[in-house]
Amino acid sequence: MKADFYLRRHENGERGCGTTEVKQATAVGGDRLVVAAAGAEVVAKLVIVAMMFAATNLLAFALHTVCDCLEQLWTEARTAKRARTRFFEHIRTITAYLVFPDWTTLMQTLIDSKPPPHVEAQLAP
């Protein structure tokens, strides 16, 4: 069973949809139109999204590992909140309501579970 493949050119007035059309001679003797790359674009986009997600995840893991090794306040704040997920939930919650002037103030607030007076003043009406 040998199949011959060749590219089909557009006739006058025909328009392509951005895909390559290939005619394939089948073993039965009939011609079947196969549209190559119609679904490949969607698959390629999904693969790219998956690769971007994986790369972002690896980058976040690397950054957290560096902080665990080098940043003392980060380590103390992580210990104070016990679980890693709780730690990030606390960061997400308090940064939604308060603006911290620097990293040290944010980490000290996580350690003490109470913001300093100048940051807490943002909550007053």
PDB file of N, CA and C in Angstrom:
ATOM      1  N   MET A   1       0.839  -1.167   0.000  1.00  0.00           N
ATOM      2  CA  MET A   1       0.000   0.000   0.000  1.00  0.00           C
ATOM      3  C   MET A   1       0.889   1.237   0.000  1.00  0.00           C
ATOM      4  N   LYS A   2       0.983   1.860  -1.113  1.00  0.00           N
ATOM      5  CA  LYS A   2       1.803   3.050  -1.244  1.00  0.00           C
ATOM      6  C   LYS A   2       0.881   4.223  -1.546  1.00  0.00           C
ATOM      7  N   ALA A   3       1.052   5.307  -0.830  1.00  0.00           N
ATOM      8  CA  ALA A   3       0.214   6.485  -1.041  1.00  0.00           C
ATOM      9  C   ALA A   3       1.079   7.604  -1.610  1.00  0.00           C
ATOM     10  N   ASP A   4       0.563   8.302  -2.572  1.00  0.00           N
ATOM     11  CA  ASP A   4       1.261   9.451  -3.142  1.00  0.00           C
ATOM     12  C   ASP A   4       0.658  10.724  -2.568  1.00  0.00           C
ATOM     13  N   PHE A   5       1.504  11.652  -2.169  1.00  0.00           N
ATOM     14  CA  PHE A   5       1.058  12.922  -1.632  1.00  0.00           C
ATOM     15  C   PHE A   5       1.545  14.034  -2.546  1.00  0.00           C
ATOM     16  N   TYR A   6       0.693  15.013  -2.767  1.00  0.00           N
ATOM     17  CA  TYR A   6       1.137  16.185  -3.492  1.00  0.00           C
ATOM     18  C   TYR A   6       0.294  17.374  -3.049  1.00  0.00           C
ATOM     19  N   LEU A   7       0.880  18.573  -3.132  1.00  0.00           N
ATOM     20  CA  LEU A   7       0.164  19.785  -2.749  1.00  0.00           C
ATOM     21  C   LEU A   7      -0.801  20.181  -3.846  1.00  0.00           C
ATOM     22  N   ARG A   8      -1.972  20.612  -3.452  1.00  0.00           N
ATOM     23  CA  ARG A   8      -2.975  21.058  -4.408  1.00  0.00           C
ATOM     24  C   ARG A   8      -2.910  22.577  -4.463  1.00  0.00           C
ATOM     25  N   ARG A   9      -2.783  23.123  -5.656  1.00  0.00           N
ATOM     26  CA  ARG A   9      -2.755  24.576  -5.827  1.00  0.00           C
ATOM     27  C   ARG A   9      -4.176  25.088  -5.966  1.00  0.00           C
ATOM     28  N   HIS A  10      -4.372  26.338  -5.571  1.00  0.00           N
ATOM     29  CA  HIS A  10      -5.698  26.950  -5.676  1.00  0.00           C
ATOM     30  C   HIS A  10      -5.976  27.336  -7.126  1.00  0.00           C
ATOM     31  N   GLU A  11      -7.190  27.090  -7.530  1.00  0.00           N
ATOM     32  CA  GLU A  11      -7.630  27.486  -8.874  1.00  0.00           C
ATOM     33  C   GLU A  11      -7.976  28.972  -8.846  1.00  0.00           C
ATOM     34  N   ASN A  12      -8.235  29.545 -10.001  1.00  0.00           N
ATOM     35  CA  ASN A  12      -8.607  30.948 -10.075  1.00  0.00           C
ATOM     36  C   ASN A  12      -9.848  31.201  -9.218  1.00  0.00           C
ATOM     37  N   GLY A  13      -9.779  32.226  -8.377  1.00  0.00           N
ATOM     38  CA  GLY A  13     -10.921  32.594  -7.559  1.00  0.00           C
ATOM     39  C   GLY A  13     -11.039  31.824  -6.252  1.00  0.00           C
ATOM     40  N   GLU A  14     -10.255  30.768  -6.062  1.00  0.00           N
ATOM     41  CA  GLU A  14     -10.316  30.023  -4.812  1.00  0.00           C
ATOM     42  C   GLU A  14      -9.452  30.717  -3.770  1.00  0.00           C
ATOM     43  N   ARG A  15      -9.895  30.613  -2.549  1.00  0.00           N
ATOM     44  CA  ARG A  15      -9.122  31.199  -1.461  1.00  0.00           C
ATOM     45  C   ARG A  15      -8.763  30.107  -0.475  1.00  0.00           C
ATOM     46  N   GLY A  16      -7.584  30.232   0.088  1.00  0.00           N
ATOM     47  CA  GLY A  16      -7.164  29.277   1.114  1.00  0.00           C
ATOM     48  C   GLY A  16      -7.541  29.801   2.483  1.00  0.00           C
ATOM     49  N   CYS A  17      -7.652  28.933   3.437  1.00  0.00           N
ATOM     50  CA  CYS A  17      -7.979  29.313   4.812  1.00  0.00           C
ATOM     51  C   CYS A  17      -6.743  29.278   5.690  1.00  0.00           C
ATOM     52  N   GLY A  18      -5.595  29.373   5.116  1.00  0.00           N
ATOM     53  CA  GLY A  18      -4.371  29.351   5.896  1.00  0.00           C
ATOM     54  C   GLY A  18      -3.859  27.941   6.149  1.00  0.00           C
ATOM     55  N   THR A  19      -4.501  26.926   5.593  1.00  0.00           N
ATOM     56  CA  THR A  19      -4.032  25.558   5.783  1.00  0.00           C
ATOM     57  C   THR A  19      -3.582  25.008   4.453  1.00  0.00           C
ATOM     58  N   THR A  20      -2.763  23.996   4.518  1.00  0.00           N
ATOM     59  CA  THR A  20      -2.274  23.347   3.311  1.00  0.00           C
ATOM     60  C   THR A  20      -3.204  22.195   2.976  1.00  0.00           C
ATOM     61  N   GLU A  21      -3.703  22.170   1.788  1.00  0.00           N
ATOM     62  CA  GLU A  21      -4.575  21.086   1.376  1.00  0.00           C
ATOM     63  C   GLU A  21      -3.753  20.038   0.642  1.00  0.00           C
ATOM     64  N   VAL A  22      -3.962  18.802   1.009  1.00  0.00           N
ATOM     65  CA  VAL A  22      -3.192  17.708   0.432  1.00  0.00           C
ATOM     66  C   VAL A  22      -4.164  16.671  -0.099  1.00  0.00           C
ATOM     67  N   LYS A  23      -3.946  16.231  -1.323  1.00  0.00           N
ATOM     68  CA  LYS A  23      -4.739  15.131  -1.867  1.00  0.00           C
ATOM     69  C   LYS A  23      -3.968  13.851  -1.643  1.00  0.00           C
ATOM     70  N   GLN A  24      -4.676  12.863  -1.197  1.00  0.00           N
ATOM     71  CA  GLN A  24      -4.035  11.593  -0.921  1.00  0.00           C
ATOM     72  C   GLN A  24      -4.718  10.517  -1.759  1.00  0.00           C
ATOM     73  N   ALA A  25      -3.918   9.836  -2.545  1.00  0.00           N
ATOM     74  CA  ALA A  25      -4.472   8.737  -3.326  1.00  0.00           C
ATOM     75  C   ALA A  25      -4.564   7.532  -2.413  1.00  0.00           C
ATOM     76  N   THR A  26      -5.754   7.026  -2.225  1.00  0.00           N
ATOM     77  CA  THR A  26      -5.940   5.899  -1.313  1.00  0.00           C
ATOM     78  C   THR A  26      -5.729   4.593  -2.041  1.00  0.00           C
ATOM     79  N   ALA A  27      -5.613   3.537  -1.263  1.00  0.00           N
ATOM     80  CA  ALA A  27      -5.366   2.213  -1.838  1.00  0.00           C
ATOM     81  C   ALA A  27      -6.553   1.739  -2.657  1.00  0.00           C
ATOM     82  N   VAL A  28      -7.740   2.236  -2.327  1.00  0.00           N
ATOM     83  CA  VAL A  28      -8.940   1.820  -3.044  1.00  0.00           C
ATOM     84  C   VAL A  28      -8.986   2.460  -4.430  1.00  0.00           C
ATOM     85  N   GLY A  29      -8.288   3.539  -4.603  1.00  0.00           N
ATOM     86  CA  GLY A  29      -8.252   4.192  -5.897  1.00  0.00           C
ATOM     87  C   GLY A  29      -8.966   5.528  -5.909  1.00  0.00           C
ATOM     88  N   GLY A  30      -9.699   5.868  -4.840  1.00  0.00           N
ATOM     89  CA  GLY A  30     -10.392   7.154  -4.789  1.00  0.00           C
ATOM     90  C   GLY A  30      -9.485   8.230  -4.229  1.00  0.00           C
ATOM     91  N   ASP A  31      -9.871   9.472  -4.422  1.00  0.00           N
ATOM     92  CA  ASP A  31      -9.119  10.593  -3.857  1.00  0.00           C
ATOM     93  C   ASP A  31      -9.867  11.130  -2.644  1.00  0.00           C
ATOM     94  N   ARG A  32      -9.134  11.403  -1.633  1.00  0.00           N
ATOM     95  CA  ARG A  32      -9.722  11.953  -0.422  1.00  0.00           C
ATOM     96  C   ARG A  32      -8.983  13.245  -0.099  1.00  0.00           C
ATOM     97  N   LEU A  33      -9.724  14.291   0.208  1.00  0.00           N
ATOM     98  CA  LEU A  33      -9.120  15.578   0.538  1.00  0.00           C
ATOM     99  C   LEU A  33      -8.807  15.602   2.030  1.00  0.00           C
ATOM    100  N   VAL A  34      -7.555  15.796   2.329  1.00  0.00           N
ATOM    101  CA  VAL A  34      -7.120  15.862   3.714  1.00  0.00           C
ATOM    102  C   VAL A  34      -6.636  17.276   3.967  1.00  0.00           C
ATOM    103  N   VAL A  35      -7.184  17.909   4.941  1.00  0.00           N
ATOM    104  CA  VAL A  35      -6.753  19.260   5.268  1.00  0.00           C
ATOM    105  C   VAL A  35      -5.747  19.139   6.403  1.00  0.00           C
ATOM    106  N   ALA A  36      -4.481  19.347   6.042  1.00  0.00           N
ATOM    107  CA  ALA A  36      -3.408  19.240   7.019  1.00  0.00           C
ATOM    108  C   ALA A  36      -3.298  20.552   7.779  1.00  0.00           C
ATOM    109  N   ALA A  37      -2.994  20.478   9.020  1.00  0.00           N
ATOM    110  CA  ALA A  37      -2.743  21.622   9.892  1.00  0.00           C
ATOM    111  C   ALA A  37      -3.994  22.353  10.325  1.00  0.00           C
ATOM    112  N   ALA A  38      -5.193  21.856  10.004  1.00  0.00           N
ATOM    113  CA  ALA A  38      -6.407  22.526  10.469  1.00  0.00           C
ATOM    114  C   ALA A  38      -6.489  22.408  11.987  1.00  0.00           C
ATOM    115  N   GLY A  39      -6.307  21.217  12.501  1.00  0.00           N
ATOM    116  CA  GLY A  39      -6.326  21.033  13.940  1.00  0.00           C
ATOM    117  C   GLY A  39      -4.971  21.240  14.568  1.00  0.00           C
ATOM    118  N   ALA A  40      -3.930  21.262  13.767  1.00  0.00           N
ATOM    119  CA  ALA A  40      -2.577  21.402  14.296  1.00  0.00           C
ATOM    120  C   ALA A  40      -2.357  22.768  14.932  1.00  0.00           C
ATOM    121  N   GLU A  41      -3.022  23.801  14.424  1.00  0.00           N
ATOM    122  CA  GLU A  41      -2.879  25.135  15.003  1.00  0.00           C
ATOM    123  C   GLU A  41      -3.427  25.147  16.424  1.00  0.00           C
ATOM    124  N   VAL A  42      -4.569  24.512  16.620  1.00  0.00           N
ATOM    125  CA  VAL A  42      -5.170  24.449  17.949  1.00  0.00           C
ATOM    126  C   VAL A  42      -4.275  23.650  18.891  1.00  0.00           C
ATOM    127  N   VAL A  43      -3.772  22.535  18.415  1.00  0.00           N
ATOM    128  CA  VAL A  43      -2.883  21.705  19.230  1.00  0.00           C
ATOM    129  C   VAL A  43      -1.615  22.477  19.578  1.00  0.00           C
ATOM    130  N   ALA A  44      -1.071  23.204  18.628  1.00  0.00           N
ATOM    131  CA  ALA A  44       0.139  23.989  18.876  1.00  0.00           C
ATOM    132  C   ALA A  44      -0.109  25.053  19.940  1.00  0.00           C
ATOM    133  N   LYS A  45      -1.267  25.706  19.886  1.00  0.00           N
ATOM    134  CA  LYS A  45      -1.594  26.718  20.898  1.00  0.00           C
ATOM    135  C   LYS A  45      -1.723  26.086  22.276  1.00  0.00           C
ATOM    136  N   LEU A  46      -2.349  24.926  22.350  1.00  0.00           N
ATOM    137  CA  LEU A  46      -2.483  24.235  23.633  1.00  0.00           C
ATOM    138  C   LEU A  46      -1.123  23.825  24.195  1.00  0.00           C
ATOM    139  N   VAL A  47      -0.242  23.366  23.319  1.00  0.00           N
ATOM    140  CA  VAL A  47       1.096  22.976  23.757  1.00  0.00           C
ATOM    141  C   VAL A  47       1.853  24.196  24.278  1.00  0.00           C
ATOM    142  N   ILE A  48       1.736  25.322  23.591  1.00  0.00           N
ATOM    143  CA  ILE A  48       2.414  26.545  24.020  1.00  0.00           C
ATOM    144  C   ILE A  48       1.886  27.000  25.377  1.00  0.00           C
ATOM    145  N   VAL A  49       0.565  26.958  25.569  1.00  0.00           N
ATOM    146  CA  VAL A  49      -0.017  27.350  26.848  1.00  0.00           C
ATOM    147  C   VAL A  49       0.476  26.429  27.954  1.00  0.00           C
ATOM    148  N   ALA A  50       0.510  25.133  27.690  1.00  0.00           N
ATOM    149  CA  ALA A  50       0.990  24.175  28.693  1.00  0.00           C
ATOM    150  C   ALA A  50       2.458  24.423  29.026  1.00  0.00           C
ATOM    151  N   MET A  51       3.263  24.719  28.017  1.00  0.00           N
ATOM    152  CA  MET A  51       4.686  24.985  28.249  1.00  0.00           C
ATOM    153  C   MET A  51       4.874  26.278  29.045  1.00  0.00           C
ATOM    154  N   MET A  52       4.071  27.307  28.751  1.00  0.00           N
ATOM    155  CA  MET A  52       4.158  28.566  29.498  1.00  0.00           C
ATOM    156  C   MET A  52       3.771  28.344  30.960  1.00  0.00           C
ATOM    157  N   PHE A  53       2.717  27.550  31.196  1.00  0.00           N
ATOM    158  CA  PHE A  53       2.310  27.242  32.559  1.00  0.00           C
ATOM    159  C   PHE A  53       3.422  26.508  33.301  1.00  0.00           C
ATOM    160  N   ALA A  54       4.016  25.521  32.648  1.00  0.00           N
ATOM    161  CA  ALA A  54       5.091  24.754  33.271  1.00  0.00           C
ATOM    162  C   ALA A  54       6.299  25.651  33.570  1.00  0.00           C
ATOM    163  N   ALA A  55       6.652  26.528  32.637  1.00  0.00           N
ATOM    164  CA  ALA A  55       7.787  27.430  32.840  1.00  0.00           C
ATOM    165  C   ALA A  55       7.523  28.397  33.987  1.00  0.00           C
ATOM    166  N   THR A  56       6.312  28.930  34.063  1.00  0.00           N
ATOM    167  CA  THR A  56       5.954  29.846  35.145  1.00  0.00           C
ATOM    168  C   THR A  56       6.001  29.128  36.486  1.00  0.00           C
ATOM    169  N   ASN A  57       5.502  27.903  36.502  1.00  0.00           N
ATOM    170  CA  ASN A  57       5.508  27.115  37.725  1.00  0.00           C
ATOM    171  C   ASN A  57       6.940  26.838  38.187  1.00  0.00           C
ATOM    172  N   LEU A  58       7.820  26.481  37.265  1.00  0.00           N
ATOM    173  CA  LEU A  58       9.217  26.237  37.616  1.00  0.00           C
ATOM    174  C   LEU A  58       9.910  27.505  38.096  1.00  0.00           C
ATOM    175  N   LEU A  59       9.603  28.628  37.462  1.00  0.00           N
ATOM    176  CA  LEU A  59      10.184  29.902  37.877  1.00  0.00           C
ATOM    177  C   LEU A  59       9.738  30.268  39.293  1.00  0.00           C
ATOM    178  N   ALA A  60       8.456  30.077  39.592  1.00  0.00           N
ATOM    179  CA  ALA A  60       7.947  30.364  40.937  1.00  0.00           C
ATOM    180  C   ALA A  60       8.613  29.449  41.970  1.00  0.00           C
ATOM    181  N   PHE A  61       8.744  28.177  41.630  1.00  0.00           N
ATOM    182  CA  PHE A  61       9.404  27.237  42.542  1.00  0.00           C
ATOM    183  C   PHE A  61      10.845  27.659  42.807  1.00  0.00           C
ATOM    184  N   ALA A  62      11.554  28.065  41.775  1.00  0.00           N
ATOM    185  CA  ALA A  62      12.941  28.503  41.936  1.00  0.00           C
ATOM    186  C   ALA A  62      13.026  29.760  42.801  1.00  0.00           C
ATOM    187  N   LEU A  63      12.130  30.705  42.570  1.00  0.00           N
ATOM    188  CA  LEU A  63      12.131  31.944  43.355  1.00  0.00           C
ATOM    189  C   LEU A  63      11.841  31.651  44.825  1.00  0.00           C
ATOM    190  N   HIS A  64      10.863  30.770  45.092  1.00  0.00           N
ATOM    191  CA  HIS A  64      10.546  30.435  46.478  1.00  0.00           C
ATOM    192  C   HIS A  64      11.710  29.717  47.156  1.00  0.00           C
ATOM    193  N   THR A  65      12.403  28.884  46.414  1.00  0.00           N
ATOM    194  CA  THR A  65      13.562  28.182  46.970  1.00  0.00           C
ATOM    195  C   THR A  65      14.676  29.165  47.305  1.00  0.00           C
ATOM    196  N   VAL A  66      14.922  30.124  46.435  1.00  0.00           N
ATOM    197  CA  VAL A  66      15.942  31.152  46.695  1.00  0.00           C
ATOM    198  C   VAL A  66      15.563  31.957  47.937  1.00  0.00           C
ATOM    199  N   CYS A  67      14.298  32.343  48.038  1.00  0.00           N
ATOM    200  CA  CYS A  67      13.854  33.099  49.222  1.00  0.00           C
ATOM    201  C   CYS A  67      14.004  32.264  50.489  1.00  0.00           C
ATOM    202  N   ASP A  68      13.678  30.964  50.405  1.00  0.00           N
ATOM    203  CA  ASP A  68      13.843  30.086  51.566  1.00  0.00           C
ATOM    204  C   ASP A  68      15.302  30.031  52.018  1.00  0.00           C
ATOM    205  N   CYS A  69      16.207  30.063  51.064  1.00  0.00           N
ATOM    206  CA  CYS A  69      17.630  29.945  51.391  1.00  0.00           C
ATOM    207  C   CYS A  69      18.276  31.260  51.812  1.00  0.00           C
ATOM    208  N   LEU A  70      17.848  32.370  51.242  1.00  0.00           N
ATOM    209  CA  LEU A  70      18.574  33.626  51.426  1.00  0.00           C
ATOM    210  C   LEU A  70      17.869  34.683  52.266  1.00  0.00           C
ATOM    211  N   GLU A  71      16.568  34.643  52.361  1.00  0.00           N
ATOM    212  CA  GLU A  71      15.818  35.726  52.999  1.00  0.00           C
ATOM    213  C   GLU A  71      15.334  35.289  54.380  1.00  0.00           C
ATOM    214  N   GLN A  72      15.927  35.856  55.427  1.00  0.00           N
ATOM    215  CA  GLN A  72      15.609  35.472  56.801  1.00  0.00           C
ATOM    216  C   GLN A  72      14.167  35.827  57.165  1.00  0.00           C
ATOM    217  N   LEU A  73      13.705  37.035  56.810  1.00  0.00           N
ATOM    218  CA  LEU A  73      12.327  37.423  57.138  1.00  0.00           C
ATOM    219  C   LEU A  73      11.310  36.518  56.449  1.00  0.00           C
ATOM    220  N   TRP A  74      11.598  36.124  55.202  1.00  0.00           N
ATOM    221  CA  TRP A  74      10.721  35.205  54.467  1.00  0.00           C
ATOM    222  C   TRP A  74      10.590  33.888  55.238  1.00  0.00           C
ATOM    223  N   THR A  75      11.722  33.369  55.703  1.00  0.00           N
ATOM    224  CA  THR A  75      11.726  32.102  56.431  1.00  0.00           C
ATOM    225  C   THR A  75      10.944  32.222  57.739  1.00  0.00           C
ATOM    226  N   GLU A  76      11.117  33.325  58.468  1.00  0.00           N
ATOM    227  CA  GLU A  76      10.382  33.536  59.714  1.00  0.00           C
ATOM    228  C   GLU A  76       8.884  33.668  59.459  1.00  0.00           C
ATOM    229  N   ALA A  77       8.509  34.385  58.397  1.00  0.00           N
ATOM    230  CA  ALA A  77       7.093  34.543  58.064  1.00  0.00           C
ATOM    231  C   ALA A  77       6.479  33.206  57.655  1.00  0.00           C
ATOM    232  N   ARG A  78       7.212  32.416  56.881  1.00  0.00           N
ATOM    233  CA  ARG A  78       6.721  31.077  56.489  1.00  0.00           C
ATOM    234  C   ARG A  78       6.525  30.202  57.717  1.00  0.00           C
ATOM    235  N   THR A  79       7.458  30.279  58.663  1.00  0.00           N
ATOM    236  CA  THR A  79       7.351  29.489  59.889  1.00  0.00           C
ATOM    237  C   THR A  79       6.150  29.945  60.713  1.00  0.00           C
ATOM    238  N   ALA A  80       5.919  31.256  60.776  1.00  0.00           N
ATOM    239  CA  ALA A  80       4.798  31.792  61.551  1.00  0.00           C
ATOM    240  C   ALA A  80       3.452  31.347  60.991  1.00  0.00           C
ATOM    241  N   LYS A  81       3.347  31.202  59.700  1.00  0.00           N
ATOM    242  CA  LYS A  81       2.073  30.808  59.076  1.00  0.00           C
ATOM    243  C   LYS A  81       1.985  29.304  58.840  1.00  0.00           C
ATOM    244  N   ARG A  82       3.005  28.581  59.194  1.00  0.00           N
ATOM    245  CA  ARG A  82       3.098  27.119  59.140  1.00  0.00           C
ATOM    246  C   ARG A  82       3.048  26.549  57.733  1.00  0.00           C
ATOM    247  N   ALA A  83       1.892  26.440  57.140  1.00  0.00           N
ATOM    248  CA  ALA A  83       1.785  25.810  55.813  1.00  0.00           C
ATOM    249  C   ALA A  83       2.074  26.821  54.714  1.00  0.00           C
ATOM    250  N   ARG A  84       2.690  26.373  53.644  1.00  0.00           N
ATOM    251  CA  ARG A  84       3.021  27.237  52.506  1.00  0.00           C
ATOM    252  C   ARG A  84       1.761  27.858  51.901  1.00  0.00           C
ATOM    253  N   THR A  85       0.703  27.074  51.785  1.00  0.00           N
ATOM    254  CA  THR A  85      -0.534  27.611  51.191  1.00  0.00           C
ATOM    255  C   THR A  85      -1.131  28.703  52.061  1.00  0.00           C
ATOM    256  N   ARG A  86      -1.083  28.533  53.370  1.00  0.00           N
ATOM    257  CA  ARG A  86      -1.601  29.578  54.269  1.00  0.00           C
ATOM    258  C   ARG A  86      -0.770  30.842  54.155  1.00  0.00           C
ATOM    259  N   PHE A  87       0.519  30.676  54.005  1.00  0.00           N
ATOM    260  CA  PHE A  87       1.420  31.815  53.867  1.00  0.00           C
ATOM    261  C   PHE A  87       1.013  32.668  52.663  1.00  0.00           C
ATOM    262  N   PHE A  88       0.802  32.019  51.524  1.00  0.00           N
ATOM    263  CA  PHE A  88       0.437  32.765  50.319  1.00  0.00           C
ATOM    264  C   PHE A  88      -0.989  33.305  50.386  1.00  0.00           C
ATOM    265  N   GLU A  89      -1.876  32.612  51.081  1.00  0.00           N
ATOM    266  CA  GLU A  89      -3.228  33.145  51.290  1.00  0.00           C
ATOM    267  C   GLU A  89      -3.165  34.426  52.109  1.00  0.00           C
ATOM    268  N   HIS A  90      -2.323  34.453  53.147  1.00  0.00           N
ATOM    269  CA  HIS A  90      -2.167  35.659  53.966  1.00  0.00           C
ATOM    270  C   HIS A  90      -1.589  36.806  53.140  1.00  0.00           C
ATOM    271  N   ILE A  91      -0.585  36.526  52.341  1.00  0.00           N
ATOM    272  CA  ILE A  91      -0.014  37.583  51.488  1.00  0.00           C
ATOM    273  C   ILE A  91      -1.077  38.140  50.543  1.00  0.00           C
ATOM    274  N   ARG A  92      -1.821  37.256  49.894  1.00  0.00           N
ATOM    275  CA  ARG A  92      -2.856  37.692  48.950  1.00  0.00           C
ATOM    276  C   ARG A  92      -3.919  38.536  49.651  1.00  0.00           C
ATOM    277  N   THR A  93      -4.317  38.132  50.845  1.00  0.00           N
ATOM    278  CA  THR A  93      -5.377  38.838  51.556  1.00  0.00           C
ATOM    279  C   THR A  93      -4.922  40.209  52.041  1.00  0.00           C
ATOM    280  N   ILE A  94      -3.800  40.268  52.727  1.00  0.00           N
ATOM    281  CA  ILE A  94      -3.419  41.558  53.306  1.00  0.00           C
ATOM    282  C   ILE A  94      -2.965  42.555  52.249  1.00  0.00           C
ATOM    283  N   THR A  95      -2.404  42.082  51.148  1.00  0.00           N
ATOM    284  CA  THR A  95      -2.000  43.042  50.107  1.00  0.00           C
ATOM    285  C   THR A  95      -3.197  43.518  49.290  1.00  0.00           C
ATOM    286  N   ALA A  96      -4.335  42.858  49.431  1.00  0.00           N
ATOM    287  CA  ALA A  96      -5.545  43.350  48.762  1.00  0.00           C
ATOM    288  C   ALA A  96      -6.121  44.558  49.494  1.00  0.00           C
ATOM    289  N   TYR A  97      -5.849  44.661  50.802  1.00  0.00           N
ATOM    290  CA  TYR A  97      -6.441  45.729  51.601  1.00  0.00           C
ATOM    291  C   TYR A  97      -5.441  46.778  52.088  1.00  0.00           C
ATOM    292  N   LEU A  98      -4.180  46.433  52.154  1.00  0.00           N
ATOM    293  CA  LEU A  98      -3.178  47.354  52.674  1.00  0.00           C
ATOM    294  C   LEU A  98      -2.029  47.518  51.687  1.00  0.00           C
ATOM    295  N   VAL A  99      -1.463  48.715  51.661  1.00  0.00           N
ATOM    296  CA  VAL A  99      -0.284  48.990  50.843  1.00  0.00           C
ATOM    297  C   VAL A  99       0.898  49.088  51.795  1.00  0.00           C
ATOM    298  N   PHE A 100       1.903  48.277  51.549  1.00  0.00           N
ATOM    299  CA  PHE A 100       3.078  48.241  52.414  1.00  0.00           C
ATOM    300  C   PHE A 100       4.204  49.034  51.769  1.00  0.00           C
ATOM    301  N   PRO A 101       4.910  49.830  52.565  1.00  0.00           N
ATOM    302  CA  PRO A 101       5.970  50.661  51.994  1.00  0.00           C
ATOM    303  C   PRO A 101       7.188  49.868  51.524  1.00  0.00           C
ATOM    304  N   ASP A 102       7.407  48.696  52.132  1.00  0.00           N
ATOM    305  CA  ASP A 102       8.571  47.914  51.731  1.00  0.00           C
ATOM    306  C   ASP A 102       8.379  46.449  52.117  1.00  0.00           C
ATOM    307  N   TRP A 103       9.311  45.643  51.652  1.00  0.00           N
ATOM    308  CA  TRP A 103       9.291  44.191  51.867  1.00  0.00           C
ATOM    309  C   TRP A 103       9.382  43.855  53.359  1.00  0.00           C
ATOM    310  N   THR A 104      10.234  44.570  54.074  1.00  0.00           N
ATOM    311  CA  THR A 104      10.448  44.293  55.495  1.00  0.00           C
ATOM    312  C   THR A 104       9.156  44.475  56.290  1.00  0.00           C
ATOM    313  N   THR A 105       8.421  45.539  56.005  1.00  0.00           N
ATOM    314  CA  THR A 105       7.162  45.796  56.705  1.00  0.00           C
ATOM    315  C   THR A 105       6.138  44.700  56.407  1.00  0.00           C
ATOM    316  N   LEU A 106       6.063  44.272  55.157  1.00  0.00           N
ATOM    317  CA  LEU A 106       5.144  43.193  54.790  1.00  0.00           C
ATOM    318  C   LEU A 106       5.493  41.904  55.527  1.00  0.00           C
ATOM    319  N   MET A 107       6.755  41.519  55.512  1.00  0.00           N
ATOM    320  CA  MET A 107       7.167  40.274  56.164  1.00  0.00           C
ATOM    321  C   MET A 107       6.991  40.361  57.687  1.00  0.00           C
ATOM    322  N   GLN A 108       7.293  41.524  58.285  1.00  0.00           N
ATOM    323  CA  GLN A 108       7.127  41.683  59.733  1.00  0.00           C
ATOM    324  C   GLN A 108       5.650  41.614  60.113  1.00  0.00           C
ATOM    325  N   THR A 109       4.769  42.123  59.264  1.00  0.00           N
ATOM    326  CA  THR A 109       3.327  42.024  59.508  1.00  0.00           C
ATOM    327  C   THR A 109       2.885  40.567  59.479  1.00  0.00           C
ATOM    328  N   LEU A 110       3.420  39.781  58.559  1.00  0.00           N
ATOM    329  CA  LEU A 110       3.084  38.359  58.508  1.00  0.00           C
ATOM    330  C   LEU A 110       3.594  37.627  59.754  1.00  0.00           C
ATOM    331  N   ILE A 111       4.762  38.009  60.235  1.00  0.00           N
ATOM    332  CA  ILE A 111       5.341  37.358  61.413  1.00  0.00           C
ATOM    333  C   ILE A 111       4.526  37.700  62.665  1.00  0.00           C
ATOM    334  N   ASP A 112       4.193  38.996  62.838  1.00  0.00           N
ATOM    335  CA  ASP A 112       3.502  39.460  64.047  1.00  0.00           C
ATOM    336  C   ASP A 112       1.986  39.301  63.969  1.00  0.00           C
ATOM    337  N   SER A 113       1.453  39.063  62.770  1.00  0.00           N
ATOM    338  CA  SER A 113       0.001  38.999  62.531  1.00  0.00           C
ATOM    339  C   SER A 113      -0.692  40.308  62.888  1.00  0.00           C
ATOM    340  N   LYS A 114       0.036  41.415  62.828  1.00  0.00           N
ATOM    341  CA  LYS A 114      -0.526  42.741  63.084  1.00  0.00           C
ATOM    342  C   LYS A 114       0.310  43.770  62.331  1.00  0.00           C
ATOM    343  N   PRO A 115      -0.353  44.602  61.517  1.00  0.00           N
ATOM    344  CA  PRO A 115       0.416  45.616  60.777  1.00  0.00           C
ATOM    345  C   PRO A 115       0.879  46.732  61.700  1.00  0.00           C
ATOM    346  N   PRO A 116       1.966  47.409  61.350  1.00  0.00           N
ATOM    347  CA  PRO A 116       2.424  48.549  62.139  1.00  0.00           C
ATOM    348  C   PRO A 116       1.389  49.675  62.081  1.00  0.00           C
ATOM    349  N   PRO A 117       1.425  50.599  63.025  1.00  0.00           N
ATOM    350  CA  PRO A 117       0.390  51.646  63.103  1.00  0.00           C
ATOM    351  C   PRO A 117       0.252  52.484  61.821  1.00  0.00           C
ATOM    352  N   HIS A 118       1.367  52.815  61.176  1.00  0.00           N
ATOM    353  CA  HIS A 118       1.264  53.658  59.974  1.00  0.00           C
ATOM    354  C   HIS A 118       0.615  52.915  58.812  1.00  0.00           C
ATOM    355  N   VAL A 119       0.692  51.597  58.773  1.00  0.00           N
ATOM    356  CA  VAL A 119       0.009  50.829  57.740  1.00  0.00           C
ATOM    357  C   VAL A 119      -1.442  50.579  58.143  1.00  0.00           C
ATOM    358  N   GLU A 120      -1.660  50.323  59.436  1.00  0.00           N
ATOM    359  CA  GLU A 120      -3.016  50.072  59.922  1.00  0.00           C
ATOM    360  C   GLU A 120      -3.892  51.307  59.787  1.00  0.00           C
ATOM    361  N   ALA A 121      -3.290  52.490  59.761  1.00  0.00           N
ATOM    362  CA  ALA A 121      -4.043  53.734  59.616  1.00  0.00           C
ATOM    363  C   ALA A 121      -4.792  53.783  58.278  1.00  0.00           C
ATOM    364  N   GLN A 122      -4.386  52.984  57.293  1.00  0.00           N
ATOM    365  CA  GLN A 122      -5.076  52.947  55.997  1.00  0.00           C
ATOM    366  C   GLN A 122      -6.488  52.387  56.138  1.00  0.00           C
ATOM    367  N   LEU A 123      -6.733  51.603  57.189  1.00  0.00           N
ATOM    368  CA  LEU A 123      -8.044  50.995  57.383  1.00  0.00           C
ATOM    369  C   LEU A 123      -9.038  51.953  58.026  1.00  0.00           C
ATOM    370  N   ALA A 124      -8.557  53.012  58.660  1.00  0.00           N
ATOM    371  CA  ALA A 124      -9.445  53.965  59.327  1.00  0.00           C
ATOM    372  C   ALA A 124     -10.252  54.738  58.294  1.00  0.00           C
ATOM    373  N   PRO A 125     -11.543  55.013  58.586  1.00  0.00           N
ATOM    374  CA  PRO A 125     -12.384  55.754  57.611  1.00  0.00           C
ATOM    375  C   PRO A 125     -12.051  57.211  57.492  1.00  0.00           C
TER     376      PRO A 125
END
